[in-house]
Amino acid sequence: MDFSTSVERYSPVGEYIRFVILKRLAKGPATVEELEALAKRAVERLGIRYDWRVWSELLKREVAIENGVTRLTPYGELFVREGLREVEEWLGKVFPPSQTKGT
């Protein structure tokens, strides 16, 4: 019996980057530069060494990039509607509120 799945697992920092960017894109499209700055600030806020530049790989299913502009894919829109709140609750258990303040 094959128990393999296509579930991807991310580190807590990777999930935090995903959360911050998806929360921003829920408001509408954004430039790549804006999201890069957002990912960098998120990692700095946590005070953990992590390569924030992987954000586009972390969000390859949820975010489309065209001509330097990012937007949610249909899957990303569904995830924001159905799962973002649960991710936020989980992150609140992983990181102290002082580290994630302002997201």
PDB file of N, CA and C in Angstrom:
ATOM      1  N   MET A   1       0.843  -1.168   0.000  1.00  0.00           N
ATOM      2  CA  MET A   1       0.000   0.000   0.000  1.00  0.00           C
ATOM      3  C   MET A   1       0.893   1.238   0.000  1.00  0.00           C
ATOM      4  N   ASP A   2       0.604   2.191  -0.871  1.00  0.00           N
ATOM      5  CA  ASP A   2       1.398   3.399  -0.992  1.00  0.00           C
ATOM      6  C   ASP A   2       0.765   4.516  -0.163  1.00  0.00           C
ATOM      7  N   PHE A   3       1.497   4.992   0.837  1.00  0.00           N
ATOM      8  CA  PHE A   3       0.987   6.048   1.698  1.00  0.00           C
ATOM      9  C   PHE A   3       1.574   7.408   1.351  1.00  0.00           C
ATOM     10  N   SER A   4       2.258   7.519   0.240  1.00  0.00           N
ATOM     11  CA  SER A   4       2.845   8.807  -0.134  1.00  0.00           C
ATOM     12  C   SER A   4       1.733   9.779  -0.514  1.00  0.00           C
ATOM     13  N   THR A   5       1.997  11.031  -0.252  1.00  0.00           N
ATOM     14  CA  THR A   5       1.028  12.082  -0.585  1.00  0.00           C
ATOM     15  C   THR A   5       1.760  13.236  -1.240  1.00  0.00           C
ATOM     16  N   SER A   6       0.993  14.155  -1.757  1.00  0.00           N
ATOM     17  CA  SER A   6       1.582  15.338  -2.365  1.00  0.00           C
ATOM     18  C   SER A   6       1.592  16.514  -1.393  1.00  0.00           C
ATOM     19  N   VAL A   7       1.410  16.246  -0.122  1.00  0.00           N
ATOM     20  CA  VAL A   7       1.398  17.298   0.887  1.00  0.00           C
ATOM     21  C   VAL A   7       2.809  17.851   1.041  1.00  0.00           C
ATOM     22  N   GLU A   8       2.905  19.175   0.990  1.00  0.00           N
ATOM     23  CA  GLU A   8       4.189  19.809   1.206  1.00  0.00           C
ATOM     24  C   GLU A   8       4.232  20.331   2.629  1.00  0.00           C
ATOM     25  N   ARG A   9       5.401  20.226   3.223  1.00  0.00           N
ATOM     26  CA  ARG A   9       5.568  20.713   4.585  1.00  0.00           C
ATOM     27  C   ARG A   9       6.547  21.863   4.582  1.00  0.00           C
ATOM     28  N   TYR A  10       6.242  22.870   5.340  1.00  0.00           N
ATOM     29  CA  TYR A  10       7.078  24.049   5.420  1.00  0.00           C
ATOM     30  C   TYR A  10       7.500  24.252   6.867  1.00  0.00           C
ATOM     31  N   SER A  11       8.588  24.949   7.053  1.00  0.00           N
ATOM     32  CA  SER A  11       9.015  25.302   8.398  1.00  0.00           C
ATOM     33  C   SER A  11       8.054  26.358   8.936  1.00  0.00           C
ATOM     34  N   PRO A  12       8.042  26.566  10.248  1.00  0.00           N
ATOM     35  CA  PRO A  12       7.199  27.633  10.785  1.00  0.00           C
ATOM     36  C   PRO A  12       7.517  28.999  10.170  1.00  0.00           C
ATOM     37  N   VAL A  13       8.783  29.269   9.899  1.00  0.00           N
ATOM     38  CA  VAL A  13       9.143  30.543   9.284  1.00  0.00           C
ATOM     39  C   VAL A  13       8.589  30.607   7.858  1.00  0.00           C
ATOM     40  N   GLY A  14       8.684  29.516   7.119  1.00  0.00           N
ATOM     41  CA  GLY A  14       8.118  29.468   5.777  1.00  0.00           C
ATOM     42  C   GLY A  14       6.617  29.684   5.797  1.00  0.00           C
ATOM     43  N   GLU A  15       5.938  29.096   6.766  1.00  0.00           N
ATOM     44  CA  GLU A  15       4.486  29.298   6.890  1.00  0.00           C
ATOM     45  C   GLU A  15       4.173  30.741   7.235  1.00  0.00           C
ATOM     46  N   TYR A  16       5.031  31.360   8.043  1.00  0.00           N
ATOM     47  CA  TYR A  16       4.807  32.767   8.393  1.00  0.00           C
ATOM     48  C   TYR A  16       4.953  33.649   7.157  1.00  0.00           C
ATOM     49  N   ILE A  17       5.969  33.394   6.349  1.00  0.00           N
ATOM     50  CA  ILE A  17       6.141  34.148   5.109  1.00  0.00           C
ATOM     51  C   ILE A  17       4.918  33.953   4.216  1.00  0.00           C
ATOM     52  N   ARG A  18       4.475  32.712   4.063  1.00  0.00           N
ATOM     53  CA  ARG A  18       3.288  32.427   3.251  1.00  0.00           C
ATOM     54  C   ARG A  18       2.080  33.200   3.782  1.00  0.00           C
ATOM     55  N   PHE A  19       1.894  33.178   5.084  1.00  0.00           N
ATOM     56  CA  PHE A  19       0.761  33.853   5.702  1.00  0.00           C
ATOM     57  C   PHE A  19       0.785  35.355   5.417  1.00  0.00           C
ATOM     58  N   VAL A  20       1.927  35.988   5.651  1.00  0.00           N
ATOM     59  CA  VAL A  20       2.046  37.434   5.472  1.00  0.00           C
ATOM     60  C   VAL A  20       1.765  37.825   4.023  1.00  0.00           C
ATOM     61  N   ILE A  21       2.309  37.074   3.095  1.00  0.00           N
ATOM     62  CA  ILE A  21       2.114  37.407   1.683  1.00  0.00           C
ATOM     63  C   ILE A  21       0.677  37.130   1.236  1.00  0.00           C
ATOM     64  N   LEU A  22       0.117  36.012   1.650  1.00  0.00           N
ATOM     65  CA  LEU A  22      -1.273  35.717   1.273  1.00  0.00           C
ATOM     66  C   LEU A  22      -2.234  36.733   1.869  1.00  0.00           C
ATOM     67  N   LYS A  23      -1.966  37.149   3.093  1.00  0.00           N
ATOM     68  CA  LYS A  23      -2.811  38.157   3.728  1.00  0.00           C
ATOM     69  C   LYS A  23      -2.761  39.468   2.930  1.00  0.00           C
ATOM     70  N   ARG A  24      -1.576  39.827   2.467  1.00  0.00           N
ATOM     71  CA  ARG A  24      -1.448  41.044   1.660  1.00  0.00           C
ATOM     72  C   ARG A  24      -2.164  40.891   0.321  1.00  0.00           C
ATOM     73  N   LEU A  25      -1.968  39.760  -0.354  1.00  0.00           N
ATOM     74  CA  LEU A  25      -2.581  39.559  -1.666  1.00  0.00           C
ATOM     75  C   LEU A  25      -4.099  39.416  -1.589  1.00  0.00           C
ATOM     76  N   ALA A  26      -4.621  39.115  -0.425  1.00  0.00           N
ATOM     77  CA  ALA A  26      -6.076  39.060  -0.264  1.00  0.00           C
ATOM     78  C   ALA A  26      -6.698  40.435  -0.527  1.00  0.00           C
ATOM     79  N   LYS A  27      -5.889  41.481  -0.398  1.00  0.00           N
ATOM     80  CA  LYS A  27      -6.363  42.846  -0.644  1.00  0.00           C
ATOM     81  C   LYS A  27      -6.295  43.232  -2.116  1.00  0.00           C
ATOM     82  N   GLY A  28      -5.533  42.454  -2.909  1.00  0.00           N
ATOM     83  CA  GLY A  28      -5.398  42.749  -4.331  1.00  0.00           C
ATOM     84  C   GLY A  28      -3.980  42.495  -4.805  1.00  0.00           C
ATOM     85  N   PRO A  29      -3.741  42.655  -6.118  1.00  0.00           N
ATOM     86  CA  PRO A  29      -2.411  42.405  -6.674  1.00  0.00           C
ATOM     87  C   PRO A  29      -1.342  43.291  -6.037  1.00  0.00           C
ATOM     88  N   ALA A  30      -0.093  42.831  -6.123  1.00  0.00           N
ATOM     89  CA  ALA A  30       1.045  43.584  -5.594  1.00  0.00           C
ATOM     90  C   ALA A  30       2.242  43.347  -6.488  1.00  0.00           C
ATOM     91  N   THR A  31       3.188  44.260  -6.433  1.00  0.00           N
ATOM     92  CA  THR A  31       4.401  44.078  -7.224  1.00  0.00           C
ATOM     93  C   THR A  31       5.300  43.049  -6.532  1.00  0.00           C
ATOM     94  N   VAL A  32       6.162  42.449  -7.320  1.00  0.00           N
ATOM     95  CA  VAL A  32       7.136  41.504  -6.772  1.00  0.00           C
ATOM     96  C   VAL A  32       7.996  42.210  -5.731  1.00  0.00           C
ATOM     97  N   GLU A  33       8.404  43.428  -6.020  1.00  0.00           N
ATOM     98  CA  GLU A  33       9.248  44.177  -5.088  1.00  0.00           C
ATOM     99  C   GLU A  33       8.562  44.382  -3.735  1.00  0.00           C
ATOM    100  N   GLU A  34       7.275  44.675  -3.763  1.00  0.00           N
ATOM    101  CA  GLU A  34       6.531  44.855  -2.515  1.00  0.00           C
ATOM    102  C   GLU A  34       6.535  43.567  -1.696  1.00  0.00           C
ATOM    103  N   LEU A  35       6.302  42.443  -2.350  1.00  0.00           N
ATOM    104  CA  LEU A  35       6.263  41.169  -1.633  1.00  0.00           C
ATOM    105  C   LEU A  35       7.649  40.756  -1.148  1.00  0.00           C
ATOM    106  N   GLU A  36       8.682  41.067  -1.913  1.00  0.00           N
ATOM    107  CA  GLU A  36      10.037  40.771  -1.450  1.00  0.00           C
ATOM    108  C   GLU A  36      10.348  41.556  -0.182  1.00  0.00           C
ATOM    109  N   ALA A  37       9.994  42.826  -0.167  1.00  0.00           N
ATOM    110  CA  ALA A  37      10.212  43.652   1.020  1.00  0.00           C
ATOM    111  C   ALA A  37       9.392  43.130   2.202  1.00  0.00           C
ATOM    112  N   LEU A  38       8.182  42.703   1.936  1.00  0.00           N
ATOM    113  CA  LEU A  38       7.315  42.159   2.974  1.00  0.00           C
ATOM    114  C   LEU A  38       7.901  40.877   3.560  1.00  0.00           C
ATOM    115  N   ALA A  39       8.382  39.986   2.701  1.00  0.00           N
ATOM    116  CA  ALA A  39       8.985  38.729   3.166  1.00  0.00           C
ATOM    117  C   ALA A  39      10.242  39.009   3.981  1.00  0.00           C
ATOM    118  N   LYS A  40      11.057  39.925   3.520  1.00  0.00           N
ATOM    119  CA  LYS A  40      12.292  40.260   4.242  1.00  0.00           C
ATOM    120  C   LYS A  40      11.968  40.828   5.632  1.00  0.00           C
ATOM    121  N   ARG A  41      11.032  41.757   5.704  1.00  0.00           N
ATOM    122  CA  ARG A  41      10.646  42.336   7.005  1.00  0.00           C
ATOM    123  C   ARG A  41      10.060  41.276   7.932  1.00  0.00           C
ATOM    124  N   ALA A  42       9.293  40.351   7.374  1.00  0.00           N
ATOM    125  CA  ALA A  42       8.686  39.297   8.198  1.00  0.00           C
ATOM    126  C   ALA A  42       9.766  38.445   8.862  1.00  0.00           C
ATOM    127  N   VAL A  43      10.773  38.056   8.103  1.00  0.00           N
ATOM    128  CA  VAL A  43      11.850  37.237   8.659  1.00  0.00           C
ATOM    129  C   VAL A  43      12.662  38.031   9.669  1.00  0.00           C
ATOM    130  N   GLU A  44      12.933  39.289   9.360  1.00  0.00           N
ATOM    131  CA  GLU A  44      13.672  40.136  10.310  1.00  0.00           C
ATOM    132  C   GLU A  44      12.903  40.295  11.605  1.00  0.00           C
ATOM    133  N   ARG A  45      11.575  40.436  11.507  1.00  0.00           N
ATOM    134  CA  ARG A  45      10.729  40.591  12.692  1.00  0.00           C
ATOM    135  C   ARG A  45      10.817  39.367  13.601  1.00  0.00           C
ATOM    136  N   LEU A  46      10.933  38.186  12.998  1.00  0.00           N
ATOM    137  CA  LEU A  46      11.030  36.958  13.783  1.00  0.00           C
ATOM    138  C   LEU A  46      12.397  36.806  14.446  1.00  0.00           C
ATOM    139  N   GLY A  47      13.413  37.441  13.867  1.00  0.00           N
ATOM    140  CA  GLY A  47      14.753  37.341  14.428  1.00  0.00           C
ATOM    141  C   GLY A  47      15.389  35.974  14.203  1.00  0.00           C
ATOM    142  N   ILE A  48      14.964  35.301  13.147  1.00  0.00           N
ATOM    143  CA  ILE A  48      15.473  33.964  12.832  1.00  0.00           C
ATOM    144  C   ILE A  48      16.191  34.036  11.495  1.00  0.00           C
ATOM    145  N   ARG A  49      17.318  33.362  11.412  1.00  0.00           N
ATOM    146  CA  ARG A  49      18.045  33.336  10.146  1.00  0.00           C
ATOM    147  C   ARG A  49      17.308  32.431   9.158  1.00  0.00           C
ATOM    148  N   TYR A  50      16.885  33.028   8.036  1.00  0.00           N
ATOM    149  CA  TYR A  50      16.098  32.297   7.040  1.00  0.00           C
ATOM    150  C   TYR A  50      16.197  33.054   5.727  1.00  0.00           C
ATOM    151  N   ASP A  51      16.294  32.347   4.636  1.00  0.00           N
ATOM    152  CA  ASP A  51      16.386  32.985   3.326  1.00  0.00           C
ATOM    153  C   ASP A  51      14.989  33.377   2.846  1.00  0.00           C
ATOM    154  N   TRP A  52      14.621  34.609   3.069  1.00  0.00           N
ATOM    155  CA  TRP A  52      13.293  35.109   2.719  1.00  0.00           C
ATOM    156  C   TRP A  52      13.058  35.096   1.209  1.00  0.00           C
ATOM    157  N   ARG A  53      14.123  34.998   0.416  1.00  0.00           N
ATOM    158  CA  ARG A  53      13.986  35.057  -1.050  1.00  0.00           C
ATOM    159  C   ARG A  53      13.297  33.836  -1.643  1.00  0.00           C
ATOM    160  N   VAL A  54      13.009  32.837  -0.834  1.00  0.00           N
ATOM    161  CA  VAL A  54      12.326  31.637  -1.340  1.00  0.00           C
ATOM    162  C   VAL A  54      10.806  31.812  -1.377  1.00  0.00           C
ATOM    163  N   TRP A  55      10.318  32.993  -1.070  1.00  0.00           N
ATOM    164  CA  TRP A  55       8.870  33.198  -0.952  1.00  0.00           C
ATOM    165  C   TRP A  55       8.107  32.731  -2.192  1.00  0.00           C
ATOM    166  N   SER A  56       8.641  32.992  -3.379  1.00  0.00           N
ATOM    167  CA  SER A  56       7.884  32.609  -4.584  1.00  0.00           C
ATOM    168  C   SER A  56       7.796  31.086  -4.731  1.00  0.00           C
ATOM    169  N   GLU A  57       8.806  30.378  -4.276  1.00  0.00           N
ATOM    170  CA  GLU A  57       8.764  28.909  -4.319  1.00  0.00           C
ATOM    171  C   GLU A  57       7.766  28.380  -3.281  1.00  0.00           C
ATOM    172  N   LEU A  58       7.714  29.026  -2.130  1.00  0.00           N
ATOM    173  CA  LEU A  58       6.777  28.611  -1.082  1.00  0.00           C
ATOM    174  C   LEU A  58       5.321  28.795  -1.515  1.00  0.00           C
ATOM    175  N   LEU A  59       5.106  29.731  -2.420  1.00  0.00           N
ATOM    176  CA  LEU A  59       3.741  30.091  -2.835  1.00  0.00           C
ATOM    177  C   LEU A  59       3.458  29.768  -4.298  1.00  0.00           C
ATOM    178  N   LYS A  60       4.146  28.797  -4.846  1.00  0.00           N
ATOM    179  CA  LYS A  60       4.023  28.524  -6.284  1.00  0.00           C
ATOM    180  C   LYS A  60       2.617  28.120  -6.710  1.00  0.00           C
ATOM    181  N   ARG A  61       1.823  27.530  -5.817  1.00  0.00           N
ATOM    182  CA  ARG A  61       0.443  27.163  -6.177  1.00  0.00           C
ATOM    183  C   ARG A  61      -0.540  28.302  -5.928  1.00  0.00           C
ATOM    184  N   GLU A  62      -0.237  29.135  -4.962  1.00  0.00           N
ATOM    185  CA  GLU A  62      -1.177  30.168  -4.539  1.00  0.00           C
ATOM    186  C   GLU A  62      -1.020  31.501  -5.261  1.00  0.00           C
ATOM    187  N   VAL A  63       0.170  31.746  -5.831  1.00  0.00           N
ATOM    188  CA  VAL A  63       0.468  33.060  -6.399  1.00  0.00           C
ATOM    189  C   VAL A  63       0.960  32.924  -7.836  1.00  0.00           C
ATOM    190  N   ALA A  64       0.436  33.774  -8.696  1.00  0.00           N
ATOM    191  CA  ALA A  64       0.909  33.863 -10.081  1.00  0.00           C
ATOM    192  C   ALA A  64       1.678  35.167 -10.233  1.00  0.00           C
ATOM    193  N   ILE A  65       2.769  35.103 -10.994  1.00  0.00           N
ATOM    194  CA  ILE A  65       3.593  36.296 -11.239  1.00  0.00           C
ATOM    195  C   ILE A  65       3.629  36.529 -12.745  1.00  0.00           C
ATOM    196  N   GLU A  66       3.204  37.722 -13.148  1.00  0.00           N
ATOM    197  CA  GLU A  66       3.230  38.106 -14.563  1.00  0.00           C
ATOM    198  C   GLU A  66       3.696  39.541 -14.673  1.00  0.00           C
ATOM    199  N   ASN A  67       4.771  39.749 -15.434  1.00  0.00           N
ATOM    200  CA  ASN A  67       5.296  41.093 -15.675  1.00  0.00           C
ATOM    201  C   ASN A  67       5.560  41.865 -14.382  1.00  0.00           C
ATOM    202  N   GLY A  68       6.092  41.185 -13.384  1.00  0.00           N
ATOM    203  CA  GLY A  68       6.449  41.844 -12.130  1.00  0.00           C
ATOM    204  C   GLY A  68       5.293  42.108 -11.193  1.00  0.00           C
ATOM    205  N   VAL A  69       4.100  41.614 -11.537  1.00  0.00           N
ATOM    206  CA  VAL A  69       2.913  41.806 -10.692  1.00  0.00           C
ATOM    207  C   VAL A  69       2.439  40.436 -10.221  1.00  0.00           C
ATOM    208  N   THR A  70       2.098  40.349  -8.950  1.00  0.00           N
ATOM    209  CA  THR A  70       1.630  39.094  -8.370  1.00  0.00           C
ATOM    210  C   THR A  70       0.140  39.179  -8.070  1.00  0.00           C
ATOM    211  N   ARG A  71      -0.498  38.038  -8.175  1.00  0.00           N
ATOM    212  CA  ARG A  71      -1.924  37.940  -7.832  1.00  0.00           C
ATOM    213  C   ARG A  71      -2.187  36.527  -7.337  1.00  0.00           C
ATOM    214  N   LEU A  72      -3.278  36.361  -6.648  1.00  0.00           N
ATOM    215  CA  LEU A  72      -3.669  35.038  -6.189  1.00  0.00           C
ATOM    216  C   LEU A  72      -4.183  34.201  -7.359  1.00  0.00           C
ATOM    217  N   THR A  73      -3.823  32.946  -7.370  1.00  0.00           N
ATOM    218  CA  THR A  73      -4.399  31.997  -8.318  1.00  0.00           C
ATOM    219  C   THR A  73      -5.769  31.587  -7.777  1.00  0.00           C
ATOM    220  N   PRO A  74      -6.579  30.872  -8.544  1.00  0.00           N
ATOM    221  CA  PRO A  74      -7.845  30.374  -7.987  1.00  0.00           C
ATOM    222  C   PRO A  74      -7.616  29.532  -6.723  1.00  0.00           C
ATOM    223  N   TYR A  75      -6.556  28.720  -6.721  1.00  0.00           N
ATOM    224  CA  TYR A  75      -6.241  27.938  -5.523  1.00  0.00           C
ATOM    225  C   TYR A  75      -5.884  28.869  -4.365  1.00  0.00           C
ATOM    226  N   GLY A  76      -5.125  29.918  -4.643  1.00  0.00           N
ATOM    227  CA  GLY A  76      -4.755  30.883  -3.606  1.00  0.00           C
ATOM    228  C   GLY A  76      -5.970  31.584  -3.028  1.00  0.00           C
ATOM    229  N   GLU A  77      -6.907  31.943  -3.892  1.00  0.00           N
ATOM    230  CA  GLU A  77      -8.140  32.582  -3.418  1.00  0.00           C
ATOM    231  C   GLU A  77      -8.918  31.643  -2.501  1.00  0.00           C
ATOM    232  N   LEU A  78      -9.001  30.382  -2.893  1.00  0.00           N
ATOM    233  CA  LEU A  78      -9.685  29.389  -2.068  1.00  0.00           C
ATOM    234  C   LEU A  78      -8.977  29.218  -0.725  1.00  0.00           C
ATOM    235  N   PHE A  79      -7.657  29.141  -0.758  1.00  0.00           N
ATOM    236  CA  PHE A  79      -6.897  28.976   0.483  1.00  0.00           C
ATOM    237  C   PHE A  79      -7.089  30.161   1.415  1.00  0.00           C
ATOM    238  N   VAL A  80      -7.082  31.371   0.863  1.00  0.00           N
ATOM    239  CA  VAL A  80      -7.284  32.561   1.690  1.00  0.00           C
ATOM    240  C   VAL A  80      -8.663  32.511   2.342  1.00  0.00           C
ATOM    241  N   ARG A  81      -9.673  32.131   1.567  1.00  0.00           N
ATOM    242  CA  ARG A  81     -11.041  32.054   2.112  1.00  0.00           C
ATOM    243  C   ARG A  81     -11.198  30.954   3.146  1.00  0.00           C
ATOM    244  N   GLU A  82     -10.611  29.795   2.879  1.00  0.00           N
ATOM    245  CA  GLU A  82     -10.891  28.610   3.684  1.00  0.00           C
ATOM    246  C   GLU A  82      -9.838  28.257   4.732  1.00  0.00           C
ATOM    247  N   GLY A  83      -8.593  28.691   4.564  1.00  0.00           N
ATOM    248  CA  GLY A  83      -7.549  28.192   5.448  1.00  0.00           C
ATOM    249  C   GLY A  83      -6.669  29.207   6.134  1.00  0.00           C
ATOM    250  N   LEU A  84      -6.726  30.462   5.713  1.00  0.00           N
ATOM    251  CA  LEU A  84      -5.794  31.446   6.257  1.00  0.00           C
ATOM    252  C   LEU A  84      -5.987  31.682   7.754  1.00  0.00           C
ATOM    253  N   ARG A  85      -7.219  31.670   8.197  1.00  0.00           N
ATOM    254  CA  ARG A  85      -7.492  31.898   9.620  1.00  0.00           C
ATOM    255  C   ARG A  85      -6.887  30.785  10.478  1.00  0.00           C
ATOM    256  N   GLU A  86      -6.970  29.558  10.000  1.00  0.00           N
ATOM    257  CA  GLU A  86      -6.395  28.436  10.747  1.00  0.00           C
ATOM    258  C   GLU A  86      -4.878  28.532  10.812  1.00  0.00           C
ATOM    259  N   VAL A  87      -4.258  28.976   9.723  1.00  0.00           N
ATOM    260  CA  VAL A  87      -2.808  29.163   9.717  1.00  0.00           C
ATOM    261  C   VAL A  87      -2.430  30.251  10.714  1.00  0.00           C
ATOM    262  N   GLU A  88      -3.201  31.319  10.748  1.00  0.00           N
ATOM    263  CA  GLU A  88      -2.936  32.408  11.689  1.00  0.00           C
ATOM    264  C   GLU A  88      -3.019  31.915  13.137  1.00  0.00           C
ATOM    265  N   GLU A  89      -4.012  31.104  13.435  1.00  0.00           N
ATOM    266  CA  GLU A  89      -4.146  30.555  14.787  1.00  0.00           C
ATOM    267  C   GLU A  89      -2.950  29.669  15.136  1.00  0.00           C
ATOM    268  N   TRP A  90      -2.535  28.832  14.187  1.00  0.00           N
ATOM    269  CA  TRP A  90      -1.393  27.955  14.418  1.00  0.00           C
ATOM    270  C   TRP A  90      -0.120  28.766  14.641  1.00  0.00           C
ATOM    271  N   LEU A  91       0.097  29.790  13.811  1.00  0.00           N
ATOM    272  CA  LEU A  91       1.287  30.623  13.964  1.00  0.00           C
ATOM    273  C   LEU A  91       1.302  31.322  15.316  1.00  0.00           C
ATOM    274  N   GLY A  92       0.127  31.669  15.823  1.00  0.00           N
ATOM    275  CA  GLY A  92       0.036  32.295  17.141  1.00  0.00           C
ATOM    276  C   GLY A  92       0.501  31.372  18.254  1.00  0.00           C
ATOM    277  N   LYS A  93       0.447  30.076  18.023  1.00  0.00           N
ATOM    278  CA  LYS A  93       0.930  29.106  19.005  1.00  0.00           C
ATOM    279  C   LYS A  93       2.434  28.873  18.876  1.00  0.00           C
ATOM    280  N   VAL A  94       2.973  29.134  17.689  1.00  0.00           N
ATOM    281  CA  VAL A  94       4.383  28.868  17.413  1.00  0.00           C
ATOM    282  C   VAL A  94       5.264  30.070  17.768  1.00  0.00           C
ATOM    283  N   PHE A  95       4.814  31.261  17.418  1.00  0.00           N
ATOM    284  CA  PHE A  95       5.599  32.461  17.639  1.00  0.00           C
ATOM    285  C   PHE A  95       4.909  33.359  18.665  1.00  0.00           C
ATOM    286  N   PRO A  96       5.676  33.967  19.563  1.00  0.00           N
ATOM    287  CA  PRO A  96       5.080  34.916  20.514  1.00  0.00           C
ATOM    288  C   PRO A  96       4.471  36.102  19.765  1.00  0.00           C
ATOM    289  N   PRO A  97       3.384  36.645  20.273  1.00  0.00           N
ATOM    290  CA  PRO A  97       2.736  37.787  19.611  1.00  0.00           C
ATOM    291  C   PRO A  97       3.689  38.957  19.368  1.00  0.00           C
ATOM    292  N   SER A  98       4.655  39.151  20.239  1.00  0.00           N
ATOM    293  CA  SER A  98       5.592  40.262  20.060  1.00  0.00           C
ATOM    294  C   SER A  98       6.402  40.119  18.778  1.00  0.00           C
ATOM    295  N   GLN A  99       6.630  38.895  18.328  1.00  0.00           N
ATOM    296  CA  GLN A  99       7.399  38.676  17.097  1.00  0.00           C
ATOM    297  C   GLN A  99       6.564  38.889  15.847  1.00  0.00           C
ATOM    298  N   THR A 100       5.300  38.636  15.924  1.00  0.00           N
ATOM    299  CA  THR A 100       4.442  38.736  14.730  1.00  0.00           C
ATOM    300  C   THR A 100       3.578  39.996  14.728  1.00  0.00           C
ATOM    301  N   LYS A 101       3.800  40.857  15.682  1.00  0.00           N
ATOM    302  CA  LYS A 101       3.008  42.090  15.772  1.00  0.00           C
ATOM    303  C   LYS A 101       3.169  42.900  14.501  1.00  0.00           C
ATOM    304  N   GLY A 102       2.072  43.400  13.988  1.00  0.00           N
ATOM    305  CA  GLY A 102       2.111  44.224  12.804  1.00  0.00           C
ATOM    306  C   GLY A 102       1.831  43.481  11.507  1.00  0.00           C
ATOM    307  N   THR A 103       1.483  42.193  11.591  1.00  0.00           N
ATOM    308  CA  THR A 103       1.173  41.449  10.374  1.00  0.00           C
ATOM    309  C   THR A 103      -0.295  41.464  10.105  1.00  0.00           C
TER     310      THR A 103
END
